[in-house]
């Protein structure tokens, strides 16, 4: 159950996060997604930005990371989207469900 990853993707709006989640779900690249409101502080064009964003956590396998990254880069509104792979492990039943719901 070590082949399991979260993909952390920041979005400017809840609507865009939901659009990304549905897009990836319809392509069967992820089995599940969570969306959280977050407050982000970061450097952009020479100044520190304090902004509200929405993080999309997409649940899939390591094998799908490159495909997910490519698909998000195609539809994301940011010039430089944040797409981060986080290795995780899970219980066997959840991992088996996840594997059944996606295409690799």
PDB file of N, CA and C in Angstrom:
ATOM      1  N   UNK A   1       0.833  -1.204   0.000  1.00  0.00           N
ATOM      2  CA  UNK A   1       0.000   0.000   0.000  1.00  0.00           C
ATOM      3  C   UNK A   1       0.867   1.253   0.000  1.00  0.00           C
ATOM      4  N   UNK A   2       2.117   1.041  -0.441  1.00  0.00           N
ATOM      5  CA  UNK A   2       3.075   2.144  -0.478  1.00  0.00           C
ATOM      6  C   UNK A   2       3.097   2.831  -1.850  1.00  0.00           C
ATOM      7  N   UNK A   3       2.319   2.344  -2.786  1.00  0.00           N
ATOM      8  CA  UNK A   3       2.266   2.917  -4.123  1.00  0.00           C
ATOM      9  C   UNK A   3       1.244   4.059  -4.181  1.00  0.00           C
ATOM     10  N   UNK A   4       0.759   4.465  -3.035  1.00  0.00           N
ATOM     11  CA  UNK A   4      -0.329   5.425  -2.887  1.00  0.00           C
ATOM     12  C   UNK A   4       0.259   6.827  -2.700  1.00  0.00           C
ATOM     13  N   UNK A   5      -0.324   7.830  -3.392  1.00  0.00           N
ATOM     14  CA  UNK A   5       0.148   9.205  -3.222  1.00  0.00           C
ATOM     15  C   UNK A   5      -1.032  10.169  -3.094  1.00  0.00           C
ATOM     16  N   UNK A   6      -0.753  11.290  -2.460  1.00  0.00           N
ATOM     17  CA  UNK A   6      -1.619  12.461  -2.511  1.00  0.00           C
ATOM     18  C   UNK A   6      -0.938  13.421  -3.485  1.00  0.00           C
ATOM     19  N   UNK A   7      -1.730  14.105  -4.286  1.00  0.00           N
ATOM     20  CA  UNK A   7      -1.193  15.181  -5.113  1.00  0.00           C
ATOM     21  C   UNK A   7      -1.840  16.471  -4.618  1.00  0.00           C
ATOM     22  N   UNK A   8      -0.988  17.370  -4.136  1.00  0.00           N
ATOM     23  CA  UNK A   8      -1.400  18.631  -3.520  1.00  0.00           C
ATOM     24  C   UNK A   8      -1.374  19.704  -4.601  1.00  0.00           C
ATOM     25  N   UNK A   9      -2.546  20.306  -4.887  1.00  0.00           N
ATOM     26  CA  UNK A   9      -2.668  21.282  -5.967  1.00  0.00           C
ATOM     27  C   UNK A   9      -3.386  22.525  -5.429  1.00  0.00           C
ATOM     28  N   UNK A  10      -2.741  23.683  -5.495  1.00  0.00           N
ATOM     29  CA  UNK A  10      -3.404  24.908  -5.046  1.00  0.00           C
ATOM     30  C   UNK A  10      -4.166  25.544  -6.203  1.00  0.00           C
ATOM     31  N   UNK A  11      -5.287  26.186  -5.861  1.00  0.00           N
ATOM     32  CA  UNK A  11      -6.188  26.791  -6.845  1.00  0.00           C
ATOM     33  C   UNK A  11      -6.668  28.151  -6.347  1.00  0.00           C
ATOM     34  N   UNK A  12      -6.968  29.078  -7.260  1.00  0.00           N
ATOM     35  CA  UNK A  12      -7.409  30.403  -6.846  1.00  0.00           C
ATOM     36  C   UNK A  12      -8.835  30.432  -6.305  1.00  0.00           C
ATOM     37  N   UNK A  13      -9.673  29.482  -6.740  1.00  0.00           N
ATOM     38  CA  UNK A  13     -11.080  29.466  -6.308  1.00  0.00           C
ATOM     39  C   UNK A  13     -11.534  28.035  -6.038  1.00  0.00           C
ATOM     40  N   UNK A  14     -12.615  27.928  -5.276  1.00  0.00           N
ATOM     41  CA  UNK A  14     -13.202  26.611  -5.019  1.00  0.00           C
ATOM     42  C   UNK A  14     -13.712  26.009  -6.329  1.00  0.00           C
ATOM     43  N   UNK A  15     -14.273  26.856  -7.171  1.00  0.00           N
ATOM     44  CA  UNK A  15     -14.805  26.403  -8.461  1.00  0.00           C
ATOM     45  C   UNK A  15     -13.707  25.758  -9.316  1.00  0.00           C
ATOM     46  N   UNK A  16     -12.529  26.379  -9.360  1.00  0.00           N
ATOM     47  CA  UNK A  16     -11.434  25.802 -10.146  1.00  0.00           C
ATOM     48  C   UNK A  16     -10.933  24.499  -9.532  1.00  0.00           C
ATOM     49  N   UNK A  17     -10.869  24.426  -8.204  1.00  0.00           N
ATOM     50  CA  UNK A  17     -10.462  23.184  -7.535  1.00  0.00           C
ATOM     51  C   UNK A  17     -11.453  22.059  -7.855  1.00  0.00           C
ATOM     52  N   UNK A  18     -12.747  22.381  -7.815  1.00  0.00           N
ATOM     53  CA  UNK A  18     -13.778  21.386  -8.131  1.00  0.00           C
ATOM     54  C   UNK A  18     -13.697  20.960  -9.595  1.00  0.00           C
ATOM     55  N   UNK A  19     -13.442  21.917 -10.475  1.00  0.00           N
ATOM     56  CA  UNK A  19     -13.302  21.614 -11.906  1.00  0.00           C
ATOM     57  C   UNK A  19     -12.135  20.637 -12.121  1.00  0.00           C
ATOM     58  N   UNK A  20     -11.011  20.906 -11.471  1.00  0.00           N
ATOM     59  CA  UNK A  20      -9.840  20.025 -11.582  1.00  0.00           C
ATOM     60  C   UNK A  20     -10.133  18.633 -11.050  1.00  0.00           C
ATOM     61  N   UNK A  21     -10.825  18.568  -9.908  1.00  0.00           N
ATOM     62  CA  UNK A  21     -11.162  17.273  -9.307  1.00  0.00           C
ATOM     63  C   UNK A  21     -12.068  16.474 -10.240  1.00  0.00           C
ATOM     64  N   UNK A  22     -13.115  17.105 -10.744  1.00  0.00           N
ATOM     65  CA  UNK A  22     -14.049  16.408 -11.656  1.00  0.00           C
ATOM     66  C   UNK A  22     -13.347  15.953 -12.935  1.00  0.00           C
ATOM     67  N   UNK A  23     -12.497  16.805 -13.467  1.00  0.00           N
ATOM     68  CA  UNK A  23     -11.737  16.504 -14.680  1.00  0.00           C
ATOM     69  C   UNK A  23     -10.888  15.240 -14.480  1.00  0.00           C
ATOM     70  N   UNK A  24     -10.169  15.191 -13.354  1.00  0.00           N
ATOM     71  CA  UNK A  24      -9.310  14.034 -13.064  1.00  0.00           C
ATOM     72  C   UNK A  24     -10.133  12.785 -12.753  1.00  0.00           C
ATOM     73  N   UNK A  25     -11.257  12.960 -12.051  1.00  0.00           N
ATOM     74  CA  UNK A  25     -12.139  11.826 -11.757  1.00  0.00           C
ATOM     75  C   UNK A  25     -12.724  11.248 -13.047  1.00  0.00           C
ATOM     76  N   UNK A  26     -13.189  12.116 -13.935  1.00  0.00           N
ATOM     77  CA  UNK A  26     -13.777  11.644 -15.197  1.00  0.00           C
ATOM     78  C   UNK A  26     -12.763  10.912 -16.053  1.00  0.00           C
ATOM     79  N   UNK A  27     -11.503  11.311 -15.994  1.00  0.00           N
ATOM     80  CA  UNK A  27     -10.439  10.632 -16.743  1.00  0.00           C
ATOM     81  C   UNK A  27      -9.948   9.376 -16.015  1.00  0.00           C
ATOM     82  N   UNK A  28     -10.514   9.107 -14.826  1.00  0.00           N
ATOM     83  CA  UNK A  28     -10.155   7.940 -13.998  1.00  0.00           C
ATOM     84  C   UNK A  28      -8.672   7.965 -13.583  1.00  0.00           C
ATOM     85  N   UNK A  29      -8.107   9.176 -13.439  1.00  0.00           N
ATOM     86  CA  UNK A  29      -6.714   9.314 -13.008  1.00  0.00           C
ATOM     87  C   UNK A  29      -6.604   9.368 -11.489  1.00  0.00           C
ATOM     88  N   UNK A  30      -7.713   9.710 -10.822  1.00  0.00           N
ATOM     89  CA  UNK A  30      -7.754   9.717  -9.360  1.00  0.00           C
ATOM     90  C   UNK A  30      -9.024   9.004  -8.914  1.00  0.00           C
ATOM     91  N   UNK A  31      -9.013   8.537  -7.672  1.00  0.00           N
ATOM     92  CA  UNK A  31     -10.187   7.849  -7.125  1.00  0.00           C
ATOM     93  C   UNK A  31     -11.013   8.768  -6.237  1.00  0.00           C
ATOM     94  N   UNK A  32     -10.378   9.820  -5.718  1.00  0.00           N
ATOM     95  CA  UNK A  32     -11.025  10.649  -4.707  1.00  0.00           C
ATOM     96  C   UNK A  32     -10.295  11.984  -4.630  1.00  0.00           C
ATOM     97  N   UNK A  33     -11.025  13.023  -4.211  1.00  0.00           N
ATOM     98  CA  UNK A  33     -10.395  14.332  -4.024  1.00  0.00           C
ATOM     99  C   UNK A  33     -11.001  15.023  -2.807  1.00  0.00           C
ATOM    100  N   UNK A  34     -10.172  15.781  -2.110  1.00  0.00           N
ATOM    101  CA  UNK A  34     -10.631  16.632  -1.014  1.00  0.00           C
ATOM    102  C   UNK A  34     -10.250  18.064  -1.354  1.00  0.00           C
ATOM    103  N   UNK A  35     -11.114  19.002  -0.965  1.00  0.00           N
ATOM    104  CA  UNK A  35     -10.856  20.419  -1.227  1.00  0.00           C
ATOM    105  C   UNK A  35     -10.981  21.185   0.092  1.00  0.00           C
ATOM    106  N   UNK A  36      -9.957  21.974   0.394  1.00  0.00           N
ATOM    107  CA  UNK A  36      -9.916  22.749   1.635  1.00  0.00           C
ATOM    108  C   UNK A  36      -9.634  24.209   1.334  1.00  0.00           C
ATOM    109  N   UNK A  37     -10.285  25.155   2.037  1.00  0.00           N
ATOM    110  CA  UNK A  37      -9.883  26.556   1.931  1.00  0.00           C
ATOM    111  C   UNK A  37      -8.591  26.747   2.733  1.00  0.00           C
ATOM    112  N   UNK A  38      -7.670  27.504   2.191  1.00  0.00           N
ATOM    113  CA  UNK A  38      -6.393  27.758   2.874  1.00  0.00           C
ATOM    114  C   UNK A  38      -6.024  29.234   2.730  1.00  0.00           C
ATOM    115  N   UNK A  39      -5.162  29.693   3.614  1.00  0.00           N
ATOM    116  CA  UNK A  39      -4.570  31.016   3.497  1.00  0.00           C
ATOM    117  C   UNK A  39      -3.121  30.801   3.087  1.00  0.00           C
ATOM    118  N   UNK A  40      -2.694  31.439   2.008  1.00  0.00           N
ATOM    119  CA  UNK A  40      -1.340  31.244   1.481  1.00  0.00           C
ATOM    120  C   UNK A  40      -0.564  32.549   1.493  1.00  0.00           C
ATOM    121  N   UNK A  41       0.689  32.467   1.884  1.00  0.00           N
ATOM    122  CA  UNK A  41       1.621  33.593   1.781  1.00  0.00           C
ATOM    123  C   UNK A  41       2.779  33.117   0.926  1.00  0.00           C
ATOM    124  N   UNK A  42       3.141  33.897  -0.095  1.00  0.00           N
ATOM    125  CA  UNK A  42       4.191  33.464  -1.006  1.00  0.00           C
ATOM    126  C   UNK A  42       4.778  34.659  -1.756  1.00  0.00           C
ATOM    127  N   UNK A  43       5.985  34.449  -2.294  1.00  0.00           N
ATOM    128  CA  UNK A  43       6.617  35.459  -3.132  1.00  0.00           C
ATOM    129  C   UNK A  43       6.034  35.376  -4.525  1.00  0.00           C
ATOM    130  N   UNK A  44       5.648  36.520  -5.093  1.00  0.00           N
ATOM    131  CA  UNK A  44       5.215  36.579  -6.488  1.00  0.00           C
ATOM    132  C   UNK A  44       5.574  37.933  -7.069  1.00  0.00           C
ATOM    133  N   UNK A  45       6.354  37.893  -8.129  1.00  0.00           N
ATOM    134  CA  UNK A  45       6.777  39.101  -8.843  1.00  0.00           C
ATOM    135  C   UNK A  45       7.335  40.167  -7.906  1.00  0.00           C
ATOM    136  N   UNK A  46       8.249  39.727  -7.027  1.00  0.00           N
ATOM    137  CA  UNK A  46       8.988  40.654  -6.186  1.00  0.00           C
ATOM    138  C   UNK A  46       8.328  41.093  -4.895  1.00  0.00           C
ATOM    139  N   UNK A  47       7.124  40.587  -4.613  1.00  0.00           N
ATOM    140  CA  UNK A  47       6.519  40.968  -3.333  1.00  0.00           C
ATOM    141  C   UNK A  47       5.831  39.762  -2.676  1.00  0.00           C
ATOM    142  N   UNK A  48       5.606  39.903  -1.374  1.00  0.00           N
ATOM    143  CA  UNK A  48       4.944  38.842  -0.626  1.00  0.00           C
ATOM    144  C   UNK A  48       3.436  39.012  -0.778  1.00  0.00           C
ATOM    145  N   UNK A  49       2.800  37.946  -1.201  1.00  0.00           N
ATOM    146  CA  UNK A  49       1.347  37.925  -1.398  1.00  0.00           C
ATOM    147  C   UNK A  49       0.701  37.170  -0.236  1.00  0.00           C
ATOM    148  N   UNK A  50      -0.393  37.700   0.276  1.00  0.00           N
ATOM    149  CA  UNK A  50      -1.201  37.045   1.310  1.00  0.00           C
ATOM    150  C   UNK A  50      -2.574  36.838   0.677  1.00  0.00           C
ATOM    151  N   UNK A  51      -2.915  35.592   0.382  1.00  0.00           N
ATOM    152  CA  UNK A  51      -4.089  35.319  -0.433  1.00  0.00           C
ATOM    153  C   UNK A  51      -4.863  34.107   0.081  1.00  0.00           C
ATOM    154  N   UNK A  52      -6.128  34.056  -0.254  1.00  0.00           N
ATOM    155  CA  UNK A  52      -6.937  32.868   0.026  1.00  0.00           C
ATOM    156  C   UNK A  52      -6.935  31.990  -1.213  1.00  0.00           C
ATOM    157  N   UNK A  53      -6.735  30.700  -1.006  1.00  0.00           N
ATOM    158  CA  UNK A  53      -6.729  29.729  -2.097  1.00  0.00           C
ATOM    159  C   UNK A  53      -7.509  28.497  -1.640  1.00  0.00           C
ATOM    160  N   UNK A  54      -7.627  27.540  -2.547  1.00  0.00           N
ATOM    161  CA  UNK A  54      -8.251  26.259  -2.222  1.00  0.00           C
ATOM    162  C   UNK A  54      -7.290  25.165  -2.648  1.00  0.00           C
ATOM    163  N   UNK A  55      -6.987  24.261  -1.714  1.00  0.00           N
ATOM    164  CA  UNK A  55      -6.110  23.150  -2.047  1.00  0.00           C
ATOM    165  C   UNK A  55      -6.961  21.948  -2.437  1.00  0.00           C
ATOM    166  N   UNK A  56      -6.575  21.337  -3.537  1.00  0.00           N
ATOM    167  CA  UNK A  56      -7.166  20.090  -3.998  1.00  0.00           C
ATOM    168  C   UNK A  56      -6.180  18.990  -3.663  1.00  0.00           C
ATOM    169  N   UNK A  57      -6.609  18.016  -2.880  1.00  0.00           N
ATOM    170  CA  UNK A  57      -5.779  16.845  -2.603  1.00  0.00           C
ATOM    171  C   UNK A  57      -6.374  15.692  -3.394  1.00  0.00           C
ATOM    172  N   UNK A  58      -5.629  15.247  -4.400  1.00  0.00           N
ATOM    173  CA  UNK A  58      -6.068  14.172  -5.282  1.00  0.00           C
ATOM    174  C   UNK A  58      -5.407  12.871  -4.840  1.00  0.00           C
ATOM    175  N   UNK A  59      -6.203  11.810  -4.715  1.00  0.00           N
ATOM    176  CA  UNK A  59      -5.685  10.522  -4.244  1.00  0.00           C
ATOM    177  C   UNK A  59      -5.568   9.549  -5.408  1.00  0.00           C
ATOM    178  N   UNK A  60      -4.350   9.032  -5.598  1.00  0.00           N
ATOM    179  CA  UNK A  60      -4.090   8.128  -6.712  1.00  0.00           C
ATOM    180  C   UNK A  60      -2.841   7.293  -6.428  1.00  0.00           C
ATOM    181  N   UNK A  61      -2.290   6.683  -7.479  1.00  0.00           N
ATOM    182  CA  UNK A  61      -1.067   5.888  -7.330  1.00  0.00           C
ATOM    183  C   UNK A  61       0.123   6.654  -7.913  1.00  0.00           C
ATOM    184  N   UNK A  62       1.325   6.242  -7.507  1.00  0.00           N
ATOM    185  CA  UNK A  62       2.554   6.872  -8.015  1.00  0.00           C
ATOM    186  C   UNK A  62       2.589   6.850  -9.536  1.00  0.00           C
ATOM    187  N   UNK A  63       2.114   5.756 -10.129  1.00  0.00           N
ATOM    188  CA  UNK A  63       2.151   5.609 -11.589  1.00  0.00           C
ATOM    189  C   UNK A  63       1.367   6.702 -12.314  1.00  0.00           C
ATOM    190  N   UNK A  64       0.398   7.307 -11.651  1.00  0.00           N
ATOM    191  CA  UNK A  64      -0.429   8.315 -12.311  1.00  0.00           C
ATOM    192  C   UNK A  64       0.061   9.751 -12.116  1.00  0.00           C
ATOM    193  N   UNK A  65       1.123   9.946 -11.354  1.00  0.00           N
ATOM    194  CA  UNK A  65       1.558  11.317 -11.056  1.00  0.00           C
ATOM    195  C   UNK A  65       1.853  12.129 -12.316  1.00  0.00           C
ATOM    196  N   UNK A  66       2.650  11.597 -13.224  1.00  0.00           N
ATOM    197  CA  UNK A  66       3.028  12.355 -14.425  1.00  0.00           C
ATOM    198  C   UNK A  66       1.805  12.709 -15.262  1.00  0.00           C
ATOM    199  N   UNK A  67       0.853  11.772 -15.385  1.00  0.00           N
ATOM    200  CA  UNK A  67      -0.371  12.027 -16.161  1.00  0.00           C
ATOM    201  C   UNK A  67      -1.207  13.123 -15.499  1.00  0.00           C
ATOM    202  N   UNK A  68      -1.361  13.033 -14.175  1.00  0.00           N
ATOM    203  CA  UNK A  68      -2.141  14.045 -13.451  1.00  0.00           C
ATOM    204  C   UNK A  68      -1.487  15.418 -13.610  1.00  0.00           C
ATOM    205  N   UNK A  69      -0.173  15.458 -13.440  1.00  0.00           N
ATOM    206  CA  UNK A  69       0.570  16.721 -13.573  1.00  0.00           C
ATOM    207  C   UNK A  69       0.328  17.337 -14.959  1.00  0.00           C
ATOM    208  N   UNK A  70       0.452  16.543 -15.995  1.00  0.00           N
ATOM    209  CA  UNK A  70       0.254  17.016 -17.367  1.00  0.00           C
ATOM    210  C   UNK A  70      -1.168  17.538 -17.582  1.00  0.00           C
ATOM    211  N   UNK A  71      -2.161  16.809 -17.076  1.00  0.00           N
ATOM    212  CA  UNK A  71      -3.565  17.209 -17.260  1.00  0.00           C
ATOM    213  C   UNK A  71      -3.879  18.504 -16.503  1.00  0.00           C
ATOM    214  N   UNK A  72      -3.378  18.632 -15.278  1.00  0.00           N
ATOM    215  CA  UNK A  72      -3.621  19.856 -14.493  1.00  0.00           C
ATOM    216  C   UNK A  72      -2.945  21.049 -15.160  1.00  0.00           C
ATOM    217  N   UNK A  73      -1.711  20.857 -15.643  1.00  0.00           N
ATOM    218  CA  UNK A  73      -1.013  21.962 -16.312  1.00  0.00           C
ATOM    219  C   UNK A  73      -1.786  22.455 -17.536  1.00  0.00           C
ATOM    220  N   UNK A  74      -2.531  21.566 -18.202  1.00  0.00           N
ATOM    221  CA  UNK A  74      -3.325  21.941 -19.382  1.00  0.00           C
ATOM    222  C   UNK A  74      -4.491  22.857 -19.024  1.00  0.00           C
ATOM    223  N   UNK A  75      -5.123  22.632 -17.849  1.00  0.00           N
ATOM    224  CA  UNK A  75      -6.365  23.341 -17.534  1.00  0.00           C
ATOM    225  C   UNK A  75      -6.233  24.397 -16.436  1.00  0.00           C
ATOM    226  N   UNK A  76      -5.104  24.437 -15.739  1.00  0.00           N
ATOM    227  CA  UNK A  76      -4.956  25.331 -14.576  1.00  0.00           C
ATOM    228  C   UNK A  76      -4.793  26.785 -15.007  1.00  0.00           C
ATOM    229  N   UNK A  77      -5.368  27.702 -14.228  1.00  0.00           N
ATOM    230  CA  UNK A  77      -5.286  29.129 -14.576  1.00  0.00           C
ATOM    231  C   UNK A  77      -3.969  29.779 -14.142  1.00  0.00           C
ATOM    232  N   UNK A  78      -3.247  29.173 -13.200  1.00  0.00           N
ATOM    233  CA  UNK A  78      -1.972  29.765 -12.771  1.00  0.00           C
ATOM    234  C   UNK A  78      -0.897  29.548 -13.833  1.00  0.00           C
ATOM    235  N   UNK A  79      -0.019  30.562 -13.974  1.00  0.00           N
ATOM    236  CA  UNK A  79       1.139  30.435 -14.858  1.00  0.00           C
ATOM    237  C   UNK A  79       2.068  29.336 -14.361  1.00  0.00           C
ATOM    238  N   UNK A  80       2.199  29.250 -13.030  1.00  0.00           N
ATOM    239  CA  UNK A  80       3.065  28.251 -12.403  1.00  0.00           C
ATOM    240  C   UNK A  80       2.232  27.521 -11.334  1.00  0.00           C
ATOM    241  N   UNK A  81       1.468  26.510 -11.734  1.00  0.00           N
ATOM    242  CA  UNK A  81       0.650  25.814 -10.732  1.00  0.00           C
ATOM    243  C   UNK A  81       1.514  24.993  -9.765  1.00  0.00           C
ATOM    244  N   UNK A  82       1.062  24.908  -8.536  1.00  0.00           N
ATOM    245  CA  UNK A  82       1.719  24.083  -7.512  1.00  0.00           C
ATOM    246  C   UNK A  82       1.114  22.680  -7.606  1.00  0.00           C
ATOM    247  N   UNK A  83       1.927  21.705  -8.009  1.00  0.00           N
ATOM    248  CA  UNK A  83       1.481  20.314  -8.139  1.00  0.00           C
ATOM    249  C   UNK A  83       2.541  19.464  -7.440  1.00  0.00           C
ATOM    250  N   UNK A  84       2.242  19.012  -6.220  1.00  0.00           N
ATOM    251  CA  UNK A  84       3.242  18.344  -5.387  1.00  0.00           C
ATOM    252  C   UNK A  84       2.807  16.924  -5.062  1.00  0.00           C
ATOM    253  N   UNK A  85       3.712  15.973  -5.278  1.00  0.00           N
ATOM    254  CA  UNK A  85       3.459  14.568  -4.957  1.00  0.00           C
ATOM    255  C   UNK A  85       3.874  14.294  -3.514  1.00  0.00           C
ATOM    256  N   UNK A  86       2.965  13.708  -2.743  1.00  0.00           N
ATOM    257  CA  UNK A  86       3.245  13.356  -1.347  1.00  0.00           C
ATOM    258  C   UNK A  86       3.030  11.855  -1.184  1.00  0.00           C
ATOM    259  N   UNK A  87       4.093  11.096  -0.902  1.00  0.00           N
ATOM    260  CA  UNK A  87       3.914   9.653  -0.699  1.00  0.00           C
ATOM    261  C   UNK A  87       3.185   9.392   0.619  1.00  0.00           C
ATOM    262  N   UNK A  88       2.218   8.510   0.570  1.00  0.00           N
ATOM    263  CA  UNK A  88       1.465   8.136   1.772  1.00  0.00           C
ATOM    264  C   UNK A  88       1.245   6.629   1.739  1.00  0.00           C
ATOM    265  N   UNK A  89       0.780   6.089   2.838  1.00  0.00           N
ATOM    266  CA  UNK A  89       0.372   4.686   2.847  1.00  0.00           C
ATOM    267  C   UNK A  89      -1.013   4.629   3.474  1.00  0.00           C
ATOM    268  N   UNK A  90      -1.720   3.542   3.202  1.00  0.00           N
ATOM    269  CA  UNK A  90      -3.099   3.445   3.683  1.00  0.00           C
ATOM    270  C   UNK A  90      -3.396   2.028   4.149  1.00  0.00           C
ATOM    271  N   UNK A  91      -4.611   1.867   4.667  1.00  0.00           N
ATOM    272  CA  UNK A  91      -5.075   0.531   4.981  1.00  0.00           C
ATOM    273  C   UNK A  91      -5.353  -0.217   3.676  1.00  0.00           C
ATOM    274  N   UNK A  92      -5.310  -1.530   3.735  1.00  0.00           N
ATOM    275  CA  UNK A  92      -5.437  -2.376   2.547  1.00  0.00           C
ATOM    276  C   UNK A  92      -6.787  -2.185   1.844  1.00  0.00           C
ATOM    277  N   UNK A  93      -7.878  -2.128   2.600  1.00  0.00           N
ATOM    278  CA  UNK A  93      -9.204  -1.999   1.981  1.00  0.00           C
ATOM    279  C   UNK A  93      -9.322  -0.708   1.178  1.00  0.00           C
ATOM    280  N   UNK A  94      -8.822   0.393   1.730  1.00  0.00           N
ATOM    281  CA  UNK A  94      -8.898   1.668   1.012  1.00  0.00           C
ATOM    282  C   UNK A  94      -8.046   1.610  -0.249  1.00  0.00           C
ATOM    283  N   UNK A  95      -6.837   1.070  -0.138  1.00  0.00           N
ATOM    284  CA  UNK A  95      -5.950   1.000  -1.298  1.00  0.00           C
ATOM    285  C   UNK A  95      -6.564   0.128  -2.391  1.00  0.00           C
ATOM    286  N   UNK A  96      -7.161  -0.995  -2.017  1.00  0.00           N
ATOM    287  CA  UNK A  96      -7.799  -1.872  -3.003  1.00  0.00           C
ATOM    288  C   UNK A  96      -8.947  -1.146  -3.706  1.00  0.00           C
ATOM    289  N   UNK A  97      -9.728  -0.374  -2.959  1.00  0.00           N
ATOM    290  CA  UNK A  97     -10.816   0.410  -3.547  1.00  0.00           C
ATOM    291  C   UNK A  97     -10.239   1.429  -4.534  1.00  0.00           C
ATOM    292  N   UNK A  98      -9.202   2.148  -4.091  1.00  0.00           N
ATOM    293  CA  UNK A  98      -8.572   3.164  -4.931  1.00  0.00           C
ATOM    294  C   UNK A  98      -8.087   2.560  -6.249  1.00  0.00           C
ATOM    295  N   UNK A  99      -7.378   1.426  -6.188  1.00  0.00           N
ATOM    296  CA  UNK A  99      -6.851   0.762  -7.383  1.00  0.00           C
ATOM    297  C   UNK A  99      -7.969   0.384  -8.355  1.00  0.00           C
ATOM    298  N   UNK A 100      -9.107  -0.011  -7.791  1.00  0.00           N
ATOM    299  CA  UNK A 100     -10.244  -0.433  -8.602  1.00  0.00           C
ATOM    300  C   UNK A 100     -10.882   0.744  -9.346  1.00  0.00           C
ATOM    301  N   UNK A 101     -10.779   1.947  -8.787  1.00  0.00           N
ATOM    302  CA  UNK A 101     -11.461   3.121  -9.332  1.00  0.00           C
ATOM    303  C   UNK A 101     -10.660   3.908 -10.370  1.00  0.00           C
ATOM    304  N   UNK A 102      -9.380   3.602 -10.515  1.00  0.00           N
ATOM    305  CA  UNK A 102      -8.553   4.396 -11.433  1.00  0.00           C
ATOM    306  C   UNK A 102      -8.009   3.559 -12.579  1.00  0.00           C
ATOM    307  N   UNK A 103      -7.549   4.265 -13.594  1.00  0.00           N
ATOM    308  CA  UNK A 103      -6.813   3.639 -14.698  1.00  0.00           C
ATOM    309  C   UNK A 103      -5.359   4.047 -14.546  1.00  0.00           C
ATOM    310  N   UNK A 104      -4.454   3.106 -14.721  1.00  0.00           N
ATOM    311  CA  UNK A 104      -3.022   3.446 -14.658  1.00  0.00           C
ATOM    312  C   UNK A 104      -2.418   3.361 -16.038  1.00  0.00           C
TER     313      UNK A 104
END
